[in-house]
């Protein structure tokens, strides 16, 4: 299924103001919270050259990436709770690795603390509140219009005439000891 997201982005924290018109294919095995987390990550990480990969269809690719002109992956954005060895390989190959976690980020952190993840303290985990995703899922349609703003860490999404607010906490995958 294909979803369209027209997003008026005002990311005050990063100084990014952009109108995004995204057509996002939803994999048959992808649930709505995963899809919505993927769209949020794309919008809130937006920069020139950022792209969706084949994602769930290709095991060796993140959901979203930023590549250099010669095809090297510079930034790797995973969704959910990827395996520690996947994050280990990504952090060895890329300048920046971020996981947008929409379910139990504490379990992901615990699992990765037990296994070796290269530069695990530099891998970021963005905790996406389930309440935010539930509110967005109730508004999810084939065609979606969002006004998305971020200011001082707080995001506000206006969708279907309703303002939904949340705070996205960013923490290291493996805390520095």
N, C-alpha and C. Protein backbone atom coordinates (compact mmCIF):
# COMPACT_ATOMS: atom_id res chain seq x y z
N UNK A 1 0.84 -1.17 0.00
CA UNK A 1 0.00 0.00 0.00
C UNK A 1 0.90 1.24 0.00
N UNK A 2 0.47 2.24 -0.71
CA UNK A 2 1.21 3.49 -0.80
C UNK A 2 0.51 4.57 0.01
N UNK A 3 1.28 5.25 0.86
CA UNK A 3 0.75 6.37 1.64
C UNK A 3 1.45 7.64 1.18
N UNK A 4 0.69 8.72 1.12
CA UNK A 4 1.27 10.02 0.79
C UNK A 4 1.25 10.87 2.06
N UNK A 5 2.39 11.52 2.32
CA UNK A 5 2.52 12.43 3.46
C UNK A 5 2.98 13.78 2.93
N UNK A 6 2.12 14.77 3.06
CA UNK A 6 2.51 16.15 2.76
C UNK A 6 2.80 16.78 4.11
N UNK A 7 4.07 17.11 4.33
CA UNK A 7 4.51 17.58 5.64
C UNK A 7 5.11 18.97 5.53
N UNK A 8 4.54 19.91 6.26
CA UNK A 8 5.13 21.25 6.40
C UNK A 8 6.02 21.16 7.63
N UNK A 9 7.33 21.07 7.40
CA UNK A 9 8.29 20.87 8.47
C UNK A 9 8.89 22.19 8.92
N UNK A 10 8.82 22.42 10.23
CA UNK A 10 9.47 23.58 10.86
C UNK A 10 10.28 23.05 12.03
N UNK A 11 11.53 22.66 11.76
CA UNK A 11 12.40 22.13 12.78
C UNK A 11 13.28 23.27 13.30
N UNK A 12 12.77 23.98 14.28
CA UNK A 12 13.46 25.14 14.83
C UNK A 12 14.79 24.74 15.45
N UNK A 13 14.81 23.57 16.10
CA UNK A 13 16.03 23.11 16.77
C UNK A 13 17.20 22.95 15.79
N UNK A 14 16.92 22.53 14.56
CA UNK A 14 17.99 22.33 13.58
C UNK A 14 18.01 23.41 12.50
N UNK A 15 17.03 24.32 12.52
CA UNK A 15 16.97 25.36 11.50
C UNK A 15 16.59 24.82 10.13
N UNK A 16 15.72 23.81 10.10
CA UNK A 16 15.28 23.20 8.85
C UNK A 16 13.80 23.52 8.65
N UNK A 17 13.50 24.18 7.54
CA UNK A 17 12.13 24.54 7.19
C UNK A 17 11.91 24.06 5.76
N UNK A 18 11.01 23.09 5.61
CA UNK A 18 10.89 22.44 4.31
C UNK A 18 9.48 21.90 4.14
N UNK A 19 8.97 21.95 2.91
CA UNK A 19 7.74 21.26 2.57
C UNK A 19 8.13 19.93 1.95
N UNK A 20 7.70 18.85 2.58
CA UNK A 20 8.03 17.50 2.10
C UNK A 20 6.78 16.87 1.48
N UNK A 21 6.95 16.21 0.37
CA UNK A 21 5.87 15.48 -0.28
C UNK A 21 6.38 14.05 -0.47
N UNK A 22 6.03 13.18 0.47
CA UNK A 22 6.56 11.82 0.51
C UNK A 22 5.51 10.81 0.07
N UNK A 23 5.94 9.89 -0.76
CA UNK A 23 5.14 8.73 -1.10
C UNK A 23 5.87 7.55 -0.49
N UNK A 24 5.23 6.92 0.47
CA UNK A 24 5.89 5.89 1.27
C UNK A 24 5.17 4.56 1.07
N UNK A 25 5.91 3.62 0.51
CA UNK A 25 5.35 2.27 0.31
C UNK A 25 5.38 1.54 1.64
N UNK A 26 4.27 0.90 1.95
CA UNK A 26 4.15 0.14 3.19
C UNK A 26 4.29 -1.34 2.88
N UNK A 27 5.33 -1.94 3.42
CA UNK A 27 5.59 -3.38 3.23
C UNK A 27 4.46 -4.16 3.89
N UNK A 28 4.04 -5.30 3.33
CA UNK A 28 2.95 -6.08 3.92
C UNK A 28 3.18 -6.47 5.39
N UNK A 29 4.45 -6.64 5.78
CA UNK A 29 4.73 -7.03 7.17
C UNK A 29 4.90 -5.82 8.10
N UNK A 30 4.77 -4.62 7.57
CA UNK A 30 5.01 -3.41 8.33
C UNK A 30 3.72 -2.94 9.01
N UNK A 31 3.76 -2.80 10.34
CA UNK A 31 2.57 -2.28 11.03
C UNK A 31 2.58 -0.75 11.02
N UNK A 32 1.45 -0.17 11.39
CA UNK A 32 1.31 1.29 11.34
C UNK A 32 2.32 2.02 12.23
N UNK A 33 2.58 1.58 13.47
CA UNK A 33 3.58 2.29 14.27
C UNK A 33 4.97 2.33 13.63
N UNK A 34 5.35 1.24 12.98
CA UNK A 34 6.65 1.19 12.29
C UNK A 34 6.66 2.21 11.14
N UNK A 35 5.61 2.19 10.32
CA UNK A 35 5.49 3.13 9.20
C UNK A 35 5.56 4.57 9.69
N UNK A 36 4.80 4.89 10.72
CA UNK A 36 4.76 6.25 11.24
C UNK A 36 6.11 6.67 11.83
N UNK A 37 6.79 5.74 12.50
CA UNK A 37 8.11 6.04 13.03
C UNK A 37 9.08 6.31 11.90
N UNK A 38 8.97 5.56 10.83
CA UNK A 38 9.82 5.74 9.65
C UNK A 38 9.61 7.13 9.03
N UNK A 39 8.36 7.55 8.94
CA UNK A 39 8.04 8.87 8.36
C UNK A 39 8.53 9.98 9.29
N UNK A 40 8.31 9.82 10.60
CA UNK A 40 8.80 10.82 11.56
C UNK A 40 10.32 10.94 11.49
N UNK A 41 11.01 9.81 11.45
CA UNK A 41 12.47 9.82 11.38
C UNK A 41 12.93 10.54 10.12
N UNK A 42 12.30 10.24 9.00
CA UNK A 42 12.69 10.89 7.74
C UNK A 42 12.51 12.40 7.84
N UNK A 43 11.37 12.83 8.35
CA UNK A 43 11.10 14.27 8.43
C UNK A 43 12.04 14.96 9.42
N UNK A 44 12.22 14.37 10.59
CA UNK A 44 13.00 15.04 11.64
C UNK A 44 14.52 14.88 11.46
N UNK A 45 14.94 14.02 10.54
CA UNK A 45 16.36 13.91 10.18
C UNK A 45 16.62 14.55 8.81
N UNK A 46 15.61 15.15 8.23
CA UNK A 46 15.67 15.62 6.85
C UNK A 46 16.88 16.51 6.56
N UNK A 47 17.54 16.17 5.46
CA UNK A 47 18.61 16.98 4.91
C UNK A 47 18.77 16.58 3.45
N UNK A 48 19.49 17.37 2.69
CA UNK A 48 19.71 17.09 1.28
C UNK A 48 20.34 15.71 1.10
N UNK A 49 19.74 14.89 0.25
CA UNK A 49 20.30 13.57 -0.05
C UNK A 49 19.74 12.43 0.78
N UNK A 50 18.98 12.72 1.83
CA UNK A 50 18.39 11.67 2.65
C UNK A 50 17.38 10.89 1.82
N UNK A 51 17.37 9.55 1.97
CA UNK A 51 16.47 8.73 1.15
C UNK A 51 16.00 7.50 1.92
N UNK A 52 14.80 7.05 1.55
CA UNK A 52 14.33 5.75 2.03
C UNK A 52 15.10 4.69 1.24
N UNK A 53 15.45 3.60 1.91
CA UNK A 53 16.09 2.49 1.21
C UNK A 53 14.99 1.49 0.85
N UNK A 54 15.41 0.32 0.42
CA UNK A 54 14.43 -0.75 0.17
C UNK A 54 13.92 -1.31 1.49
N UNK A 55 14.62 -0.96 2.59
CA UNK A 55 14.16 -1.27 3.94
C UNK A 55 13.91 -2.74 4.21
N UNK A 56 12.68 -3.05 4.58
CA UNK A 56 12.33 -4.42 4.96
C UNK A 56 12.56 -5.43 3.83
N UNK A 57 12.58 -4.95 2.60
CA UNK A 57 12.80 -5.85 1.46
C UNK A 57 14.26 -6.23 1.30
N UNK A 58 15.16 -5.47 1.92
CA UNK A 58 16.60 -5.69 1.79
C UNK A 58 17.23 -5.71 3.18
N UNK A 59 17.65 -6.88 3.64
CA UNK A 59 18.12 -7.07 5.01
C UNK A 59 19.38 -6.26 5.36
N UNK A 60 20.21 -5.95 4.37
CA UNK A 60 21.46 -5.25 4.64
C UNK A 60 21.34 -3.73 4.56
N UNK A 61 20.13 -3.22 4.42
CA UNK A 61 19.93 -1.78 4.31
C UNK A 61 19.13 -1.27 5.50
N UNK A 62 19.43 -0.05 5.95
CA UNK A 62 18.60 0.55 6.99
C UNK A 62 17.29 1.04 6.38
N UNK A 63 16.40 1.54 7.19
CA UNK A 63 15.14 2.09 6.68
C UNK A 63 15.39 3.37 5.89
N UNK A 64 16.36 4.17 6.37
CA UNK A 64 16.67 5.47 5.78
C UNK A 64 18.18 5.63 5.79
N UNK A 65 18.70 6.29 4.78
CA UNK A 65 20.14 6.52 4.76
C UNK A 65 20.50 7.78 4.02
N UNK A 66 21.73 8.22 4.28
CA UNK A 66 22.32 9.33 3.57
C UNK A 66 23.61 8.80 2.98
N UNK A 67 23.73 8.89 1.65
CA UNK A 67 24.91 8.37 0.97
C UNK A 67 25.75 9.51 0.41
N UNK A 68 27.04 9.23 0.26
CA UNK A 68 27.94 10.19 -0.38
C UNK A 68 27.79 10.05 -1.89
N UNK A 69 28.42 10.94 -2.63
CA UNK A 69 28.36 10.89 -4.09
C UNK A 69 28.94 9.62 -4.67
N UNK A 70 29.90 8.99 -3.94
CA UNK A 70 30.50 7.76 -4.43
C UNK A 70 29.78 6.50 -3.92
N UNK A 71 28.61 6.68 -3.26
CA UNK A 71 27.79 5.54 -2.85
C UNK A 71 28.03 5.02 -1.45
N UNK A 72 29.01 5.60 -0.71
CA UNK A 72 29.23 5.17 0.67
C UNK A 72 28.07 5.65 1.54
N UNK A 73 27.68 4.84 2.51
CA UNK A 73 26.63 5.22 3.44
C UNK A 73 27.27 6.06 4.55
N UNK A 74 26.85 7.31 4.67
CA UNK A 74 27.39 8.22 5.68
C UNK A 74 26.57 8.17 6.97
N UNK A 75 25.25 8.13 6.80
CA UNK A 75 24.35 8.11 7.96
C UNK A 75 23.35 6.97 7.78
N UNK A 76 23.13 6.23 8.88
CA UNK A 76 22.30 5.02 8.88
C UNK A 76 21.20 5.23 9.91
N UNK A 77 19.95 5.14 9.48
CA UNK A 77 18.81 5.32 10.37
C UNK A 77 17.97 4.05 10.36
N UNK A 78 17.98 3.34 11.48
CA UNK A 78 17.21 2.12 11.62
C UNK A 78 15.94 2.42 12.41
N UNK A 79 14.94 1.57 12.24
CA UNK A 79 13.67 1.72 12.94
C UNK A 79 13.45 0.46 13.77
N UNK A 80 12.92 0.64 14.98
CA UNK A 80 12.58 -0.51 15.81
C UNK A 80 13.70 -0.95 16.72
N UNK A 81 13.99 -2.25 16.71
CA UNK A 81 15.00 -2.83 17.59
C UNK A 81 15.92 -3.74 16.78
N UNK A 82 16.83 -3.15 16.00
CA UNK A 82 17.73 -3.98 15.20
C UNK A 82 18.67 -4.80 16.06
N UNK A 83 19.17 -5.87 15.52
CA UNK A 83 20.09 -6.76 16.23
C UNK A 83 21.41 -6.03 16.51
N UNK A 84 22.03 -6.34 17.65
CA UNK A 84 23.31 -5.69 17.98
C UNK A 84 24.38 -5.86 16.91
N UNK A 85 24.46 -7.04 16.27
CA UNK A 85 25.49 -7.23 15.24
C UNK A 85 25.25 -6.34 14.03
N UNK A 86 24.00 -6.06 13.73
CA UNK A 86 23.64 -5.14 12.63
C UNK A 86 24.13 -3.73 12.96
N UNK A 87 23.89 -3.30 14.19
CA UNK A 87 24.34 -1.98 14.62
C UNK A 87 25.86 -1.90 14.70
N UNK A 88 26.49 -3.00 15.09
CA UNK A 88 27.95 -3.08 15.15
C UNK A 88 28.54 -2.82 13.75
N UNK A 89 28.02 -3.52 12.76
CA UNK A 89 28.51 -3.36 11.38
C UNK A 89 28.23 -1.95 10.87
N UNK A 90 27.04 -1.43 11.15
CA UNK A 90 26.67 -0.10 10.69
C UNK A 90 27.58 0.97 11.29
N UNK A 91 27.86 0.86 12.58
CA UNK A 91 28.67 1.90 13.23
C UNK A 91 30.14 1.82 12.81
N UNK A 92 30.58 0.67 12.32
CA UNK A 92 31.94 0.56 11.79
C UNK A 92 32.02 1.19 10.40
N UNK A 93 30.92 1.16 9.67
CA UNK A 93 30.92 1.61 8.28
C UNK A 93 30.46 3.05 8.08
N UNK A 94 29.72 3.60 9.05
CA UNK A 94 29.08 4.90 8.86
C UNK A 94 29.56 5.93 9.88
N UNK A 95 29.43 7.19 9.51
CA UNK A 95 29.80 8.28 10.41
C UNK A 95 28.78 8.45 11.54
N UNK A 96 27.52 8.16 11.24
CA UNK A 96 26.45 8.38 12.23
C UNK A 96 25.43 7.27 12.11
N UNK A 97 25.03 6.71 13.28
CA UNK A 97 24.00 5.68 13.33
C UNK A 97 22.96 6.10 14.36
N UNK A 98 21.69 6.07 13.95
CA UNK A 98 20.59 6.44 14.85
C UNK A 98 19.51 5.38 14.73
N UNK A 99 18.98 4.98 15.87
CA UNK A 99 17.85 4.03 15.90
C UNK A 99 16.63 4.79 16.43
N UNK A 100 15.59 4.82 15.62
CA UNK A 100 14.32 5.39 16.04
C UNK A 100 13.49 4.23 16.59
N UNK A 101 13.38 4.16 17.90
CA UNK A 101 12.78 3.00 18.56
C UNK A 101 11.37 3.34 19.05
N UNK A 102 10.41 2.59 18.57
CA UNK A 102 9.01 2.85 18.91
C UNK A 102 8.44 1.82 19.89
N UNK A 103 9.24 0.82 20.24
CA UNK A 103 8.79 -0.18 21.21
C UNK A 103 9.96 -0.56 22.10
N UNK A 104 9.80 -0.41 23.38
CA UNK A 104 10.73 -0.87 24.40
C UNK A 104 12.21 -0.58 24.11
N UNK A 105 12.58 0.69 24.02
CA UNK A 105 13.99 1.02 23.81
C UNK A 105 14.89 0.50 24.93
N UNK A 106 14.32 0.31 26.12
CA UNK A 106 15.11 -0.23 27.24
C UNK A 106 15.61 -1.64 26.93
N UNK A 107 14.78 -2.46 26.26
CA UNK A 107 15.20 -3.82 25.91
C UNK A 107 16.31 -3.80 24.86
N UNK A 108 16.20 -2.88 23.90
CA UNK A 108 17.24 -2.73 22.89
C UNK A 108 18.56 -2.35 23.56
N UNK A 109 18.50 -1.41 24.48
CA UNK A 109 19.71 -0.96 25.17
C UNK A 109 20.31 -2.09 26.02
N UNK A 110 19.48 -2.85 26.70
CA UNK A 110 19.97 -3.95 27.51
C UNK A 110 20.67 -5.00 26.65
N UNK A 111 20.04 -5.35 25.52
CA UNK A 111 20.60 -6.35 24.63
C UNK A 111 21.94 -5.89 24.06
N UNK A 112 22.01 -4.61 23.68
CA UNK A 112 23.24 -4.09 23.08
C UNK A 112 24.34 -3.87 24.11
N UNK A 113 23.99 -3.68 25.37
CA UNK A 113 24.99 -3.54 26.43
C UNK A 113 25.72 -4.87 26.67
N UNK A 114 25.01 -5.99 26.41
CA UNK A 114 25.60 -7.32 26.63
C UNK A 114 26.48 -7.76 25.47
N UNK A 115 26.25 -7.20 24.29
CA UNK A 115 27.00 -7.60 23.10
C UNK A 115 27.84 -6.42 22.62
N UNK A 116 28.90 -6.71 21.92
CA UNK A 116 29.80 -5.67 21.46
C UNK A 116 29.19 -4.91 20.29
N UNK A 117 28.99 -3.61 20.47
CA UNK A 117 28.55 -2.73 19.38
C UNK A 117 29.62 -1.66 19.25
N UNK A 118 30.25 -1.61 18.10
CA UNK A 118 31.32 -0.64 17.84
C UNK A 118 30.81 0.78 18.11
N UNK A 119 31.52 1.50 18.92
CA UNK A 119 31.15 2.88 19.29
C UNK A 119 29.69 2.96 19.76
N UNK A 120 29.28 1.97 20.55
CA UNK A 120 27.91 1.90 21.03
C UNK A 120 27.47 3.13 21.80
N UNK A 121 28.42 3.82 22.43
CA UNK A 121 28.08 5.03 23.16
C UNK A 121 27.82 6.21 22.23
N UNK A 122 28.19 6.06 20.94
CA UNK A 122 27.96 7.13 19.97
C UNK A 122 26.73 6.87 19.10
N UNK A 123 26.21 5.64 19.15
CA UNK A 123 24.97 5.32 18.44
C UNK A 123 23.83 5.93 19.25
N UNK A 124 22.98 6.68 18.58
CA UNK A 124 21.87 7.35 19.27
C UNK A 124 20.59 6.52 19.16
N UNK A 125 19.81 6.57 20.24
CA UNK A 125 18.48 5.95 20.24
C UNK A 125 17.47 7.06 20.50
N UNK A 126 16.53 7.22 19.57
CA UNK A 126 15.45 8.19 19.73
C UNK A 126 14.23 7.40 20.20
N UNK A 127 13.76 7.74 21.39
CA UNK A 127 12.60 7.05 21.96
C UNK A 127 11.31 7.74 21.47
N UNK A 128 10.54 7.02 20.67
CA UNK A 128 9.30 7.56 20.12
C UNK A 128 8.14 7.07 20.99
N UNK A 129 7.43 7.99 21.66
CA UNK A 129 6.35 7.59 22.57
C UNK A 129 5.21 6.84 21.86
N UNK A 130 4.78 5.74 22.47
CA UNK A 130 3.69 4.95 21.88
C UNK A 130 2.39 5.76 21.81
N UNK A 131 2.21 6.69 22.75
CA UNK A 131 0.98 7.52 22.75
C UNK A 131 0.95 8.40 21.50
N UNK A 132 2.10 8.91 21.10
CA UNK A 132 2.19 9.73 19.89
C UNK A 132 1.80 8.89 18.67
N UNK A 133 2.36 7.71 18.58
CA UNK A 133 2.08 6.85 17.43
C UNK A 133 0.62 6.40 17.40
N UNK A 134 0.04 6.14 18.56
CA UNK A 134 -1.38 5.74 18.61
C UNK A 134 -2.27 6.88 18.13
N UNK A 135 -1.94 8.10 18.53
CA UNK A 135 -2.73 9.27 18.10
C UNK A 135 -2.59 9.49 16.59
N UNK A 136 -1.38 9.31 16.06
CA UNK A 136 -1.17 9.46 14.62
C UNK A 136 -1.83 8.32 13.83
N UNK A 137 -1.78 7.11 14.39
CA UNK A 137 -2.40 5.97 13.71
C UNK A 137 -3.90 6.17 13.54
N UNK A 138 -4.54 6.80 14.53
CA UNK A 138 -5.97 7.07 14.45
C UNK A 138 -6.30 8.02 13.29
N UNK A 139 -5.32 8.81 12.86
CA UNK A 139 -5.51 9.78 11.77
C UNK A 139 -4.93 9.28 10.43
N UNK A 140 -4.27 8.12 10.44
CA UNK A 140 -3.58 7.62 9.25
C UNK A 140 -4.56 7.31 8.13
N UNK A 141 -4.21 7.79 6.94
CA UNK A 141 -5.03 7.58 5.75
C UNK A 141 -4.09 7.34 4.57
N UNK A 142 -4.63 7.14 3.40
CA UNK A 142 -3.78 7.02 2.21
C UNK A 142 -3.10 8.35 1.90
N UNK A 143 -3.82 9.46 2.15
CA UNK A 143 -3.27 10.80 1.95
C UNK A 143 -3.27 11.52 3.29
N UNK A 144 -2.10 11.99 3.72
CA UNK A 144 -1.94 12.60 5.04
C UNK A 144 -1.29 13.97 4.91
N UNK A 145 -1.82 14.93 5.65
CA UNK A 145 -1.23 16.27 5.70
C UNK A 145 -0.86 16.56 7.13
N UNK A 146 0.41 16.87 7.34
CA UNK A 146 0.89 17.19 8.68
C UNK A 146 1.58 18.54 8.68
N UNK A 147 1.38 19.28 9.75
CA UNK A 147 2.24 20.40 10.09
C UNK A 147 3.08 19.88 11.24
N UNK A 148 4.37 19.75 11.02
CA UNK A 148 5.27 19.15 12.00
C UNK A 148 6.30 20.18 12.43
N UNK A 149 6.32 20.43 13.73
CA UNK A 149 7.32 21.38 14.23
C UNK A 149 8.06 20.77 15.42
N UNK A 150 9.33 21.20 15.56
CA UNK A 150 10.13 20.80 16.71
C UNK A 150 10.79 22.05 17.26
N UNK A 151 10.60 22.24 18.56
CA UNK A 151 11.20 23.38 19.24
C UNK A 151 11.58 22.97 20.65
N UNK A 152 12.86 23.13 20.97
CA UNK A 152 13.39 22.76 22.28
C UNK A 152 13.05 21.31 22.65
N UNK A 153 13.17 20.42 21.65
CA UNK A 153 12.96 19.00 21.89
C UNK A 153 11.51 18.54 21.85
N UNK A 154 10.57 19.47 21.87
CA UNK A 154 9.14 19.12 21.83
C UNK A 154 8.64 19.17 20.40
N UNK A 155 7.97 18.10 19.99
CA UNK A 155 7.38 18.12 18.66
C UNK A 155 5.87 18.30 18.76
N UNK A 156 5.35 18.98 17.76
CA UNK A 156 3.91 19.16 17.62
C UNK A 156 3.55 18.78 16.20
N UNK A 157 2.56 17.92 16.08
CA UNK A 157 2.07 17.52 14.77
C UNK A 157 0.59 17.87 14.71
N UNK A 158 0.24 18.68 13.73
CA UNK A 158 -1.17 18.97 13.50
C UNK A 158 -1.60 18.08 12.33
N UNK A 159 -2.52 17.17 12.62
CA UNK A 159 -3.02 16.22 11.64
C UNK A 159 -4.53 16.11 11.81
N UNK A 160 -5.26 16.28 10.72
CA UNK A 160 -6.71 16.19 10.79
C UNK A 160 -7.33 17.19 11.75
N UNK A 161 -6.73 18.38 11.84
CA UNK A 161 -7.27 19.43 12.69
C UNK A 161 -6.95 19.29 14.17
N UNK A 162 -6.19 18.25 14.54
CA UNK A 162 -5.85 18.02 15.94
C UNK A 162 -4.35 18.18 16.15
N UNK A 163 -3.98 18.88 17.22
CA UNK A 163 -2.57 19.03 17.56
C UNK A 163 -2.15 17.92 18.51
N UNK A 164 -1.09 17.23 18.16
CA UNK A 164 -0.56 16.13 18.96
C UNK A 164 0.85 16.52 19.38
N UNK A 165 1.12 16.50 20.68
CA UNK A 165 2.42 16.91 21.17
C UNK A 165 3.14 15.76 21.85
N UNK A 166 4.46 15.79 21.77
CA UNK A 166 5.26 14.75 22.41
C UNK A 166 6.69 15.26 22.56
N UNK A 167 7.42 14.60 23.43
CA UNK A 167 8.85 14.86 23.59
C UNK A 167 9.57 13.60 23.15
N UNK A 168 10.55 13.79 22.27
CA UNK A 168 11.36 12.67 21.82
C UNK A 168 12.68 12.74 22.57
N UNK A 169 12.94 11.72 23.37
CA UNK A 169 14.19 11.67 24.13
C UNK A 169 15.24 10.93 23.31
N UNK A 170 16.44 11.49 23.26
CA UNK A 170 17.55 10.85 22.56
C UNK A 170 18.61 10.48 23.58
N UNK A 171 18.99 9.19 23.57
CA UNK A 171 19.97 8.68 24.53
C UNK A 171 20.99 7.83 23.79
N UNK A 172 22.18 7.60 24.39
CA UNK A 172 23.13 6.71 23.74
C UNK A 172 22.65 5.25 23.81
N UNK A 173 22.98 4.47 22.79
CA UNK A 173 22.61 3.05 22.77
C UNK A 173 23.22 2.33 23.97
N UNK A 174 24.51 2.58 24.20
CA UNK A 174 25.21 1.99 25.34
C UNK A 174 25.73 3.15 26.18
N UNK A 175 25.22 3.32 27.38
CA UNK A 175 25.66 4.44 28.22
C UNK A 175 27.16 4.37 28.51
N UNK A 176 27.77 5.54 28.59
CA UNK A 176 29.19 5.62 28.92
C UNK A 176 29.35 5.27 30.39
N UNK A 177 30.30 4.39 30.68
CA UNK A 177 30.47 3.95 32.08
C UNK A 177 31.54 4.75 32.77
